Amino acid sequence: MITLDRLQQIIPPDQALANKALSVALQQISGISNNPLPVMANVISNLETTKDLPLVTALSQPVPNDVTQFYTSTFNQGSYSTTTTNIVNSIGVASGIGYVAPITEAIGNIATMNVSGLSTTYQIMANVVNGDYDYPLPDPPGGSSILIPSGPYAGSYATADECFDTALIPGADANIANLIVSYPVQTASMNSNWYGMGSQFANEQYTQQAANIDFTLQTSGQQSSIFGFVYSLPSYATDTTQGGMTQFLEGVADLNTFTGQCVVGALREGRNEAALRNAGVTTNSTIPANSIPPQPTANLIPATYTSTEAANITTS
C-alpha cells in the first residue's frame, strides 16, 4: 500500500491527493528531507512573496524578452552573431571563429573580380618602399629620388612621400572606385564582413573589460591554471551550443599535435561519460591506484625499537 492509499483512509480522497501532490512538489527542493516538519513549517511561514511588486508578479517567463534582447544586442555583435551570448563573444578571436569565415569569403569574392589594376598599384607601392626605384642625386650629397621607368605611374618624383601623395594613393583610390562600380555584389559582401569583424573584435574587448579580464596580468605557464583547465574539460564538453566552450576549444586546439588531439579527445570522453550517466551506466577508471610494478620502498630512518633496545631503556 502506497502512502496515498493510506492517507485516503484517514482523510477525504481529494485532500489526500492534494497533500500527496504538495509532498512530491516539496521534495524537489534540495535538502528539504533533511529537516523535520516543524523546522520546515517555520521556514515556510517566514518566506517572503512578491507582494506589492505587480510587474514582477505579472511575469509569465523567468526573463522578459526585452531584457534578453538588451544583453543579446549589447554582447552579441559582429560577424559571429547568434541568438544567445556565449564564450565566442568574449574570446572568439583566439579560435578564429567569427574571423576565418569572413576572410575566406572575401578571398572567394576577390577571385571573381579583375583586380589586376589594383594589384599593379600595390606592387609599385611595395617597390617604392623597398627602394627599388631609388637613384642618387648630386645635391644634396647622399640624397635620393624616385624614378619609375614604366607603367601607369612612370615618372620622376622628388621623394617617396611625393610619389605616394601625388600618384600611387590617388591611383589606388581610382582602382577601388572602379571595382565598386563593376562588382557591387562582391563589394557589399566584403564591406559587410569587414565591418562585422571590426564589430566582433570591439565587442570582445568590451566584454573582456566588463568581466575585468586583463591578459597582461595573466601568468604564462601557471601550473595551477593549467591543471584546473584540464580537470574542467569534461564539464566544458557538455556545452555544445553554437559559439560555446566545445566549439571554442576545438577552434584553438592544434590538431596537428598530440596535445591538441588529446584536448578534443578529452571533450569527447566527457560527453560519453555524461551520456552513460544519463543512461544509468556507472563508469570506472581502469587506471590502477598503485603503480605496476610497485615503486621501490625507500630506506627510511628506523622509527621503532628492537626488543633489546626496549629492554635496555626499561632497565636503565
C-alpha atoms as a PDB file:
ATOM      1  CA  MET A   1       0.000   0.000   0.000  1.00  0.00           C
ATOM      2  CA  ILE A   2       1.485   3.330  -1.024  1.00  0.00           C
ATOM      3  CA  THR A   3       1.414   6.492   1.082  1.00  0.00           C
ATOM      4  CA  LEU A   4      -1.520   7.957  -0.860  1.00  0.00           C
ATOM      5  CA  ASP A   5      -3.662   4.866  -0.262  1.00  0.00           C
ATOM      6  CA  ARG A   6      -3.014   5.002   3.465  1.00  0.00           C
ATOM      7  CA  LEU A   7      -3.688   8.738   3.597  1.00  0.00           C
ATOM      8  CA  GLN A   8      -7.020   8.305   1.784  1.00  0.00           C
ATOM      9  CA  GLN A   9      -8.160   6.056   4.611  1.00  0.00           C
ATOM     10  CA  ILE A  10      -7.557   8.847   7.116  1.00  0.00           C
ATOM     11  CA  ILE A  11      -8.770  11.981   5.324  1.00  0.00           C
ATOM     12  CA  PRO A  12     -11.031  12.619   2.321  1.00  0.00           C
ATOM     13  CA  PRO A  13      -9.524  11.422  -1.017  1.00  0.00           C
ATOM     14  CA  ASP A  14      -9.346  14.900  -2.547  1.00  0.00           C
ATOM     15  CA  GLN A  15      -7.419  16.246   0.445  1.00  0.00           C
ATOM     16  CA  ALA A  16      -5.171  13.193   0.429  1.00  0.00           C
ATOM     17  CA  LEU A  17      -4.357  13.722  -3.245  1.00  0.00           C
ATOM     18  CA  ALA A  18      -3.659  17.420  -2.676  1.00  0.00           C
ATOM     19  CA  ASN A  19      -1.342  16.627   0.231  1.00  0.00           C
ATOM     20  CA  LYS A  20       0.472  13.996  -1.821  1.00  0.00           C
ATOM     21  CA  ALA A  21       0.942  16.469  -4.670  1.00  0.00           C
ATOM     22  CA  LEU A  22       2.297  19.044  -2.223  1.00  0.00           C
ATOM     23  CA  SER A  23       4.645  16.447  -0.751  1.00  0.00           C
ATOM     24  CA  VAL A  24       6.020  15.493  -4.165  1.00  0.00           C
ATOM     25  CA  ALA A  25       6.465  19.147  -5.096  1.00  0.00           C
ATOM     26  CA  LEU A  26       8.323  19.956  -1.880  1.00  0.00           C
ATOM     27  CA  GLN A  27      10.667  17.010  -2.383  1.00  0.00           C
ATOM     28  CA  GLN A  28      12.007  18.735  -5.485  1.00  0.00           C
ATOM     29  CA  ILE A  29      13.696  21.227  -3.141  1.00  0.00           C
ATOM     30  CA  SER A  30      17.223  20.057  -2.430  1.00  0.00           C
ATOM     31  CA  GLY A  31      17.835  19.159   1.224  1.00  0.00           C
ATOM     32  CA  ILE A  32      14.247  19.561   2.358  1.00  0.00           C
ATOM     33  CA  SER A  33      14.026  15.938   3.513  1.00  0.00           C
ATOM     34  CA  ASN A  34      16.888  16.558   5.963  1.00  0.00           C
ATOM     35  CA  ASN A  35      14.775  18.875   8.091  1.00  0.00           C
ATOM     36  CA  PRO A  36      11.949  17.895  10.461  1.00  0.00           C
ATOM     37  CA  LEU A  37       8.459  19.187   9.730  1.00  0.00           C
ATOM     38  CA  PRO A  38       8.397  21.872  12.490  1.00  0.00           C
ATOM     39  CA  VAL A  39      11.627  23.390  11.130  1.00  0.00           C
ATOM     40  CA  MET A  40      10.313  23.458   7.563  1.00  0.00           C
ATOM     41  CA  ALA A  41       6.991  24.864   8.732  1.00  0.00           C
ATOM     42  CA  ASN A  42       8.820  27.703  10.470  1.00  0.00           C
ATOM     43  CA  VAL A  43      10.926  28.411   7.383  1.00  0.00           C
ATOM     44  CA  ILE A  44       7.957  28.349   5.018  1.00  0.00           C
ATOM     45  CA  SER A  45       5.863  30.591   7.253  1.00  0.00           C
ATOM     46  CA  ASN A  46       8.588  33.251   7.072  1.00  0.00           C
ATOM     47  CA  LEU A  47       9.122  33.110   3.309  1.00  0.00           C
ATOM     48  CA  GLU A  48       8.571  36.414   1.519  1.00  0.00           C
ATOM     49  CA  THR A  49       6.466  36.889  -1.603  1.00  0.00           C
ATOM     50  CA  THR A  50       6.211  39.369  -4.472  1.00  0.00           C
ATOM     51  CA  LYS A  51       3.587  41.396  -2.593  1.00  0.00           C
ATOM     52  CA  ASP A  52       3.362  44.990  -3.926  1.00  0.00           C
ATOM     53  CA  LEU A  53       5.636  44.091  -6.857  1.00  0.00           C
ATOM     54  CA  PRO A  54       2.994  43.912  -9.585  1.00  0.00           C
ATOM     55  CA  LEU A  55       5.422  43.947 -12.523  1.00  0.00           C
ATOM     56  CA  VAL A  56       7.357  41.012 -11.088  1.00  0.00           C
ATOM     57  CA  THR A  57       4.173  39.158 -10.181  1.00  0.00           C
ATOM     58  CA  ALA A  58       2.874  39.600 -13.726  1.00  0.00           C
ATOM     59  CA  LEU A  59       5.878  37.899 -15.313  1.00  0.00           C
ATOM     60  CA  SER A  60       4.944  34.945 -17.480  1.00  0.00           C
ATOM     61  CA  GLN A  61       8.538  33.825 -18.066  1.00  0.00           C
ATOM     62  CA  PRO A  62      11.755  33.871 -15.998  1.00  0.00           C
ATOM     63  CA  VAL A  63      13.496  36.545 -18.117  1.00  0.00           C
ATOM     64  CA  PRO A  64      11.457  39.107 -20.102  1.00  0.00           C
ATOM     65  CA  ASN A  65      12.136  39.367 -23.831  1.00  0.00           C
ATOM     66  CA  ASP A  66      13.313  42.977 -23.607  1.00  0.00           C
ATOM     67  CA  VAL A  67      15.957  42.031 -21.006  1.00  0.00           C
ATOM     68  CA  THR A  68      17.177  39.170 -23.194  1.00  0.00           C
ATOM     69  CA  GLN A  69      17.247  41.492 -26.198  1.00  0.00           C
ATOM     70  CA  PHE A  70      19.353  44.035 -24.297  1.00  0.00           C
ATOM     71  CA  TYR A  71      22.091  41.545 -23.463  1.00  0.00           C
ATOM     72  CA  THR A  72      21.961  39.934 -26.890  1.00  0.00           C
ATOM     73  CA  SER A  73      22.309  43.276 -28.672  1.00  0.00           C
ATOM     74  CA  THR A  74      24.979  44.516 -26.251  1.00  0.00           C
ATOM     75  CA  PHE A  75      27.256  41.486 -26.034  1.00  0.00           C
ATOM     76  CA  ASN A  76      26.459  39.584 -29.227  1.00  0.00           C
ATOM     77  CA  GLN A  77      27.527  41.615 -32.220  1.00  0.00           C
ATOM     78  CA  GLY A  78      29.919  41.328 -35.133  1.00  0.00           C
ATOM     79  CA  SER A  79      30.427  38.738 -37.811  1.00  0.00           C
ATOM     80  CA  TYR A  80      29.550  35.866 -35.483  1.00  0.00           C
ATOM     81  CA  SER A  81      26.207  36.936 -34.095  1.00  0.00           C
ATOM     82  CA  THR A  82      23.943  34.226 -32.711  1.00  0.00           C
ATOM     83  CA  THR A  83      20.678  34.270 -30.809  1.00  0.00           C
ATOM     84  CA  THR A  84      22.455  33.801 -27.478  1.00  0.00           C
ATOM     85  CA  THR A  85      25.506  35.294 -25.780  1.00  0.00           C
ATOM     86  CA  ASN A  86      28.340  32.778 -25.494  1.00  0.00           C
ATOM     87  CA  ILE A  87      32.065  32.347 -24.924  1.00  0.00           C
ATOM     88  CA  VAL A  88      32.917  33.335 -28.505  1.00  0.00           C
ATOM     89  CA  ASN A  89      31.531  36.816 -27.850  1.00  0.00           C
ATOM     90  CA  SER A  90      34.371  37.346 -25.365  1.00  0.00           C
ATOM     91  CA  ILE A  91      37.422  35.495 -26.726  1.00  0.00           C
ATOM     92  CA  GLY A  92      36.454  34.335 -30.197  1.00  0.00           C
ATOM     93  CA  VAL A  93      39.488  35.863 -31.900  1.00  0.00           C
ATOM     94  CA  ALA A  94      41.772  33.268 -30.289  1.00  0.00           C
ATOM     95  CA  SER A  95      39.957  30.489 -32.122  1.00  0.00           C
ATOM     96  CA  GLY A  96      39.381  32.339 -35.388  1.00  0.00           C
ATOM     97  CA  ILE A  97      35.618  31.900 -35.001  1.00  0.00           C
ATOM     98  CA  GLY A  98      33.974  34.990 -36.468  1.00  0.00           C
ATOM     99  CA  TYR A  99      37.078  35.844 -38.498  1.00  0.00           C
ATOM    100  CA  VAL A 100      38.190  32.883 -40.611  1.00  0.00           C
ATOM    101  CA  ALA A 101      34.854  32.511 -42.419  1.00  0.00           C
ATOM    102  CA  PRO A 102      34.596  36.198 -43.465  1.00  0.00           C
ATOM    103  CA  ILE A 103      38.212  36.246 -44.658  1.00  0.00           C
ATOM    104  CA  THR A 104      37.695  33.024 -46.615  1.00  0.00           C
ATOM    105  CA  GLU A 105      34.569  34.507 -48.191  1.00  0.00           C
ATOM    106  CA  ALA A 106      36.500  37.668 -49.097  1.00  0.00           C
ATOM    107  CA  ILE A 107      39.188  35.594 -50.831  1.00  0.00           C
ATOM    108  CA  GLY A 108      36.459  33.869 -52.822  1.00  0.00           C
ATOM    109  CA  ASN A 109      34.926  37.221 -53.805  1.00  0.00           C
ATOM    110  CA  ILE A 110      38.274  38.645 -54.930  1.00  0.00           C
ATOM    111  CA  ALA A 111      38.827  35.571 -57.093  1.00  0.00           C
ATOM    112  CA  THR A 112      35.750  36.526 -59.136  1.00  0.00           C
ATOM    113  CA  MET A 113      36.958  40.107 -59.714  1.00  0.00           C
ATOM    114  CA  ASN A 114      39.515  41.605 -62.099  1.00  0.00           C
ATOM    115  CA  VAL A 115      41.859  43.284 -59.634  1.00  0.00           C
ATOM    116  CA  SER A 116      44.918  43.443 -61.878  1.00  0.00           C
ATOM    117  CA  GLY A 117      44.995  47.258 -61.880  1.00  0.00           C
ATOM    118  CA  LEU A 118      44.848  47.467 -58.085  1.00  0.00           C
ATOM    119  CA  SER A 119      47.403  44.657 -57.748  1.00  0.00           C
ATOM    120  CA  THR A 120      49.797  46.589 -60.014  1.00  0.00           C
ATOM    121  CA  THR A 121      49.370  49.706 -57.876  1.00  0.00           C
ATOM    122  CA  TYR A 122      50.040  47.798 -54.656  1.00  0.00           C
ATOM    123  CA  GLN A 123      53.108  46.144 -56.166  1.00  0.00           C
ATOM    124  CA  ILE A 124      54.571  49.502 -57.200  1.00  0.00           C
ATOM    125  CA  MET A 125      53.865  50.811 -53.680  1.00  0.00           C
ATOM    126  CA  ALA A 126      55.856  47.893 -52.272  1.00  0.00           C
ATOM    127  CA  ASN A 127      58.681  48.533 -54.721  1.00  0.00           C
ATOM    128  CA  VAL A 128      58.887  52.194 -53.696  1.00  0.00           C
ATOM    129  CA  VAL A 129      59.029  51.252 -50.005  1.00  0.00           C
ATOM    130  CA  ASN A 130      61.739  48.651 -50.726  1.00  0.00           C
ATOM    131  CA  GLY A 131      63.835  51.263 -52.559  1.00  0.00           C
ATOM    132  CA  ASP A 132      63.657  49.561 -55.969  1.00  0.00           C
ATOM    133  CA  TYR A 133      63.172  52.934 -57.759  1.00  0.00           C
ATOM    134  CA  ASP A 134      65.738  54.983 -55.812  1.00  0.00           C
ATOM    135  CA  TYR A 135      68.525  56.719 -57.709  1.00  0.00           C
ATOM    136  CA  PRO A 136      71.252  59.079 -56.354  1.00  0.00           C
ATOM    137  CA  LEU A 137      71.195  62.832 -56.810  1.00  0.00           C
ATOM    138  CA  PRO A 138      74.274  65.047 -56.650  1.00  0.00           C
ATOM    139  CA  ASP A 139      72.521  67.605 -54.467  1.00  0.00           C
ATOM    140  CA  PRO A 140      72.112  67.083 -51.582  1.00  0.00           C
ATOM    141  CA  PRO A 141      75.014  64.622 -51.171  1.00  0.00           C
ATOM    142  CA  GLY A 142      73.788  61.147 -50.442  1.00  0.00           C
ATOM    143  CA  GLY A 143      70.174  62.080 -51.222  1.00  0.00           C
ATOM    144  CA  SER A 144      67.914  60.061 -53.476  1.00  0.00           C
ATOM    145  CA  SER A 145      64.876  60.446 -55.640  1.00  0.00           C
ATOM    146  CA  ILE A 146      62.296  58.120 -57.183  1.00  0.00           C
ATOM    147  CA  LEU A 147      62.285  57.113 -60.816  1.00  0.00           C
ATOM    148  CA  ILE A 148      59.560  54.727 -62.001  1.00  0.00           C
ATOM    149  CA  PRO A 149      60.681  53.744 -65.501  1.00  0.00           C
ATOM    150  CA  SER A 150      57.400  52.409 -66.929  1.00  0.00           C
ATOM    151  CA  GLY A 151      53.777  51.594 -66.244  1.00  0.00           C
ATOM    152  CA  PRO A 152      50.834  53.726 -65.143  1.00  0.00           C
ATOM    153  CA  TYR A 153      52.967  55.705 -62.656  1.00  0.00           C
ATOM    154  CA  ALA A 154      56.077  56.222 -64.809  1.00  0.00           C
ATOM    155  CA  GLY A 155      57.960  59.401 -63.951  1.00  0.00           C
ATOM    156  CA  SER A 156      60.364  61.060 -61.574  1.00  0.00           C
ATOM    157  CA  TYR A 157      59.443  62.069 -58.034  1.00  0.00           C
ATOM    158  CA  ALA A 158      61.485  64.088 -55.591  1.00  0.00           C
ATOM    159  CA  THR A 159      60.673  61.838 -52.631  1.00  0.00           C
ATOM    160  CA  ALA A 160      58.782  58.652 -51.831  1.00  0.00           C
ATOM    161  CA  ASP A 161      56.153  60.703 -49.996  1.00  0.00           C
ATOM    162  CA  GLU A 162      55.555  62.791 -53.123  1.00  0.00           C
ATOM    163  CA  CYS A 163      55.226  59.602 -55.181  1.00  0.00           C
ATOM    164  CA  PHE A 164      52.581  58.232 -52.803  1.00  0.00           C
ATOM    165  CA  ASP A 165      50.695  61.505 -52.347  1.00  0.00           C
ATOM    166  CA  THR A 166      50.537  62.576 -55.978  1.00  0.00           C
ATOM    167  CA  ALA A 167      50.371  59.265 -57.843  1.00  0.00           C
ATOM    168  CA  LEU A 168      50.069  55.969 -56.004  1.00  0.00           C
ATOM    169  CA  ILE A 169      47.373  56.760 -53.406  1.00  0.00           C
ATOM    170  CA  PRO A 170      45.136  58.615 -55.893  1.00  0.00           C
ATOM    171  CA  GLY A 171      45.687  55.732 -58.318  1.00  0.00           C
ATOM    172  CA  ALA A 172      44.655  53.142 -55.723  1.00  0.00           C
ATOM    173  CA  ASP A 173      41.558  55.213 -54.874  1.00  0.00           C
ATOM    174  CA  ALA A 174      40.598  55.241 -58.555  1.00  0.00           C
ATOM    175  CA  ASN A 175      41.181  51.477 -58.865  1.00  0.00           C
ATOM    176  CA  ILE A 176      38.966  50.794 -55.851  1.00  0.00           C
ATOM    177  CA  ALA A 177      36.226  53.157 -57.093  1.00  0.00           C
ATOM    178  CA  ASN A 178      36.140  51.304 -60.416  1.00  0.00           C
ATOM    179  CA  LEU A 179      35.904  47.937 -58.656  1.00  0.00           C
ATOM    180  CA  ILE A 180      32.986  49.164 -56.514  1.00  0.00           C
ATOM    181  CA  VAL A 181      31.080  50.120 -59.645  1.00  0.00           C
ATOM    182  CA  SER A 182      31.986  46.951 -61.540  1.00  0.00           C
ATOM    183  CA  TYR A 183      31.377  44.478 -58.716  1.00  0.00           C
ATOM    184  CA  PRO A 184      28.616  45.801 -56.406  1.00  0.00           C
ATOM    185  CA  VAL A 185      27.634  42.388 -55.006  1.00  0.00           C
ATOM    186  CA  GLN A 186      31.172  41.378 -54.043  1.00  0.00           C
ATOM    187  CA  THR A 187      31.829  44.863 -52.657  1.00  0.00           C
ATOM    188  CA  ALA A 188      28.754  44.785 -50.441  1.00  0.00           C
ATOM    189  CA  SER A 189      29.662  41.315 -49.162  1.00  0.00           C
ATOM    190  CA  MET A 190      33.250  42.242 -48.312  1.00  0.00           C
ATOM    191  CA  ASN A 191      32.244  45.525 -46.657  1.00  0.00           C
ATOM    192  CA  SER A 192      29.689  43.696 -44.540  1.00  0.00           C
ATOM    193  CA  ASN A 193      32.255  41.102 -43.477  1.00  0.00           C
ATOM    194  CA  TRP A 194      34.858  43.776 -42.769  1.00  0.00           C
ATOM    195  CA  TYR A 195      32.561  45.790 -40.517  1.00  0.00           C
ATOM    196  CA  GLY A 196      31.342  42.548 -38.948  1.00  0.00           C
ATOM    197  CA  MET A 197      34.877  41.532 -37.963  1.00  0.00           C
ATOM    198  CA  GLY A 198      35.524  45.017 -36.621  1.00  0.00           C
ATOM    199  CA  SER A 199      32.363  44.906 -34.517  1.00  0.00           C
ATOM    200  CA  GLN A 200      33.255  41.402 -33.363  1.00  0.00           C
ATOM    201  CA  PHE A 201      36.704  42.467 -32.171  1.00  0.00           C
ATOM    202  CA  ALA A 202      35.419  45.650 -30.491  1.00  0.00           C
ATOM    203  CA  ASN A 203      32.652  43.658 -28.812  1.00  0.00           C
ATOM    204  CA  GLU A 204      35.143  41.116 -27.447  1.00  0.00           C
ATOM    205  CA  GLN A 205      37.257  43.888 -25.954  1.00  0.00           C
ATOM    206  CA  TYR A 206      34.154  45.408 -24.366  1.00  0.00           C
ATOM    207  CA  THR A 207      33.039  42.144 -22.777  1.00  0.00           C
ATOM    208  CA  GLN A 208      36.558  41.411 -21.528  1.00  0.00           C
ATOM    209  CA  GLN A 209      36.701  44.820 -19.865  1.00  0.00           C
ATOM    210  CA  ALA A 210      33.239  44.295 -18.354  1.00  0.00           C
ATOM    211  CA  ALA A 211      34.453  40.960 -16.936  1.00  0.00           C
ATOM    212  CA  ASN A 212      37.672  42.532 -15.562  1.00  0.00           C
ATOM    213  CA  ILE A 213      39.802  40.328 -17.802  1.00  0.00           C
ATOM    214  CA  ASP A 214      43.307  41.751 -18.302  1.00  0.00           C
ATOM    215  CA  PHE A 215      45.522  39.430 -20.329  1.00  0.00           C
ATOM    216  CA  THR A 216      48.613  41.472 -19.449  1.00  0.00           C
ATOM    217  CA  LEU A 217      48.201  40.373 -15.821  1.00  0.00           C
ATOM    218  CA  GLN A 218      47.935  36.669 -16.612  1.00  0.00           C
ATOM    219  CA  THR A 219      50.861  34.464 -15.588  1.00  0.00           C
ATOM    220  CA  SER A 220      52.138  32.407 -18.502  1.00  0.00           C
ATOM    221  CA  GLY A 221      52.520  28.681 -17.851  1.00  0.00           C
ATOM    222  CA  GLN A 222      50.902  28.806 -14.402  1.00  0.00           C
ATOM    223  CA  GLN A 223      50.568  25.160 -13.413  1.00  0.00           C
ATOM    224  CA  SER A 224      47.504  25.546 -11.185  1.00  0.00           C
ATOM    225  CA  SER A 225      45.591  27.181 -14.029  1.00  0.00           C
ATOM    226  CA  ILE A 226      46.724  24.521 -16.496  1.00  0.00           C
ATOM    227  CA  PHE A 227      45.649  21.646 -14.247  1.00  0.00           C
ATOM    228  CA  GLY A 228      42.387  23.429 -13.451  1.00  0.00           C
ATOM    229  CA  PHE A 229      41.717  23.747 -17.164  1.00  0.00           C
ATOM    230  CA  VAL A 230      42.485  20.069 -17.790  1.00  0.00           C
ATOM    231  CA  TYR A 231      40.226  18.889 -14.954  1.00  0.00           C
ATOM    232  CA  SER A 232      37.428  21.124 -16.271  1.00  0.00           C
ATOM    233  CA  LEU A 233      37.470  19.691 -19.805  1.00  0.00           C
ATOM    234  CA  PRO A 234      34.741  17.073 -19.090  1.00  0.00           C
ATOM    235  CA  SER A 235      32.366  19.799 -17.862  1.00  0.00           C
ATOM    236  CA  TYR A 236      33.251  22.101 -20.773  1.00  0.00           C
ATOM    237  CA  ALA A 237      32.473  19.212 -23.128  1.00  0.00           C
ATOM    238  CA  THR A 238      28.758  19.309 -22.351  1.00  0.00           C
ATOM    239  CA  ASP A 239      28.466  22.841 -23.742  1.00  0.00           C
ATOM    240  CA  THR A 240      27.926  22.067 -27.422  1.00  0.00           C
ATOM    241  CA  THR A 241      25.962  25.226 -28.233  1.00  0.00           C
ATOM    242  CA  GLN A 242      26.953  27.336 -31.216  1.00  0.00           C
ATOM    243  CA  GLY A 243      29.815  29.541 -30.071  1.00  0.00           C
ATOM    244  CA  GLY A 244      30.069  27.628 -26.780  1.00  0.00           C
ATOM    245  CA  MET A 245      33.022  26.096 -24.970  1.00  0.00           C
ATOM    246  CA  THR A 246      33.362  22.943 -27.069  1.00  0.00           C
ATOM    247  CA  GLN A 247      33.384  24.827 -30.381  1.00  0.00           C
ATOM    248  CA  PHE A 248      35.845  27.362 -28.978  1.00  0.00           C
ATOM    249  CA  LEU A 249      38.233  24.725 -27.611  1.00  0.00           C
ATOM    250  CA  GLU A 250      38.114  22.756 -30.850  1.00  0.00           C
ATOM    251  CA  GLY A 251      38.941  26.009 -32.648  1.00  0.00           C
ATOM    252  CA  VAL A 252      42.049  26.741 -30.567  1.00  0.00           C
ATOM    253  CA  ALA A 253      43.294  23.139 -30.348  1.00  0.00           C
ATOM    254  CA  ASP A 254      46.130  22.364 -32.772  1.00  0.00           C
ATOM    255  CA  LEU A 255      45.007  19.075 -34.288  1.00  0.00           C
ATOM    256  CA  ASN A 256      48.451  18.600 -35.829  1.00  0.00           C
ATOM    257  CA  THR A 257      49.888  17.949 -32.366  1.00  0.00           C
ATOM    258  CA  PHE A 258      49.356  15.192 -29.825  1.00  0.00           C
ATOM    259  CA  THR A 259      48.337  17.746 -27.185  1.00  0.00           C
ATOM    260  CA  GLY A 260      45.674  19.328 -29.376  1.00  0.00           C
ATOM    261  CA  GLN A 261      44.189  15.966 -30.262  1.00  0.00           C
ATOM    262  CA  CYS A 262      44.153  14.986 -26.577  1.00  0.00           C
ATOM    263  CA  VAL A 263      42.134  18.106 -25.761  1.00  0.00           C
ATOM    264  CA  VAL A 264      39.484  17.175 -28.325  1.00  0.00           C
ATOM    265  CA  GLY A 265      39.589  13.547 -27.169  1.00  0.00           C
ATOM    266  CA  ALA A 266      39.014  14.624 -23.554  1.00  0.00           C
ATOM    267  CA  LEU A 267      35.997  16.670 -24.642  1.00  0.00           C
ATOM    268  CA  ARG A 268      34.529  13.658 -26.406  1.00  0.00           C
ATOM    269  CA  GLU A 269      35.207  11.488 -23.365  1.00  0.00           C
ATOM    270  CA  GLY A 270      33.348  13.998 -21.203  1.00  0.00           C
ATOM    271  CA  ARG A 271      30.265  13.783 -23.420  1.00  0.00           C
ATOM    272  CA  ASN A 272      30.483   9.983 -23.455  1.00  0.00           C
ATOM    273  CA  GLU A 273      30.573   9.878 -19.661  1.00  0.00           C
ATOM    274  CA  ALA A 274      27.574  12.207 -19.438  1.00  0.00           C
ATOM    275  CA  ALA A 275      25.608  10.034 -21.865  1.00  0.00           C
ATOM    276  CA  LEU A 276      26.438   6.901 -19.881  1.00  0.00           C
ATOM    277  CA  ARG A 277      25.469   8.534 -16.586  1.00  0.00           C
ATOM    278  CA  ASN A 278      22.163   9.647 -18.064  1.00  0.00           C
ATOM    279  CA  ALA A 279      21.563   6.043 -19.087  1.00  0.00           C
ATOM    280  CA  GLY A 280      22.340   4.834 -15.566  1.00  0.00           C
ATOM    281  CA  VAL A 281      25.656   3.258 -16.559  1.00  0.00           C
ATOM    282  CA  THR A 282      28.412   3.621 -13.969  1.00  0.00           C
ATOM    283  CA  THR A 283      31.880   4.230 -15.363  1.00  0.00           C
ATOM    284  CA  ASN A 284      35.107   3.366 -13.583  1.00  0.00           C
ATOM    285  CA  SER A 285      38.658   4.353 -14.379  1.00  0.00           C
ATOM    286  CA  THR A 286      40.854   1.458 -15.483  1.00  0.00           C
ATOM    287  CA  ILE A 287      43.960   3.243 -14.226  1.00  0.00           C
ATOM    288  CA  PRO A 288      45.146   1.367 -11.087  1.00  0.00           C
ATOM    289  CA  ALA A 289      45.546   3.316  -7.867  1.00  0.00           C
ATOM    290  CA  ASN A 290      49.004   1.796  -7.321  1.00  0.00           C
ATOM    291  CA  SER A 291      51.677   1.639  -9.976  1.00  0.00           C
ATOM    292  CA  ILE A 292      52.507  -1.650 -11.694  1.00  0.00           C
ATOM    293  CA  PRO A 293      55.154  -2.782 -10.923  1.00  0.00           C
ATOM    294  CA  PRO A 294      55.156  -1.136  -7.480  1.00  0.00           C
ATOM    295  CA  GLN A 295      57.686   1.596  -6.783  1.00  0.00           C
ATOM    296  CA  PRO A 296      60.756   0.509  -4.693  1.00  0.00           C
ATOM    297  CA  THR A 297      60.421   1.311  -1.000  1.00  0.00           C
ATOM    298  CA  ALA A 298      62.751   3.952   0.397  1.00  0.00           C
ATOM    299  CA  ASN A 299      65.243   3.167   3.188  1.00  0.00           C
ATOM    300  CA  LEU A 300      63.884   5.358   5.991  1.00  0.00           C
ATOM    301  CA  ILE A 301      65.282   6.135   9.446  1.00  0.00           C
ATOM    302  CA  PRO A 302      64.188   3.362  11.897  1.00  0.00           C
ATOM    303  CA  ALA A 303      61.119   4.500  13.807  1.00  0.00           C
ATOM    304  CA  THR A 304      60.616   1.522  16.194  1.00  0.00           C
ATOM    305  CA  TYR A 305      62.676  -0.040  18.977  1.00  0.00           C
ATOM    306  CA  THR A 306      64.082  -3.530  18.820  1.00  0.00           C
ATOM    307  CA  SER A 307      63.327  -5.788  21.793  1.00  0.00           C
ATOM    308  CA  THR A 308      66.913  -5.338  23.028  1.00  0.00           C
ATOM    309  CA  GLU A 309      66.718  -1.558  22.764  1.00  0.00           C
ATOM    310  CA  ALA A 310      63.398  -1.518  24.592  1.00  0.00           C
ATOM    311  CA  ALA A 311      64.815  -3.763  27.366  1.00  0.00           C
ATOM    312  CA  ASN A 312      67.830  -1.504  27.784  1.00  0.00           C
ATOM    313  CA  ILE A 313      65.592   1.563  28.151  1.00  0.00           C
ATOM    314  CA  THR A 314      63.412  -0.023  30.813  1.00  0.00           C
ATOM    315  CA  THR A 315      66.340  -1.364  32.857  1.00  0.00           C
ATOM    316  CA  SER A 316      68.464   1.780  32.742  1.00  0.00           C
END
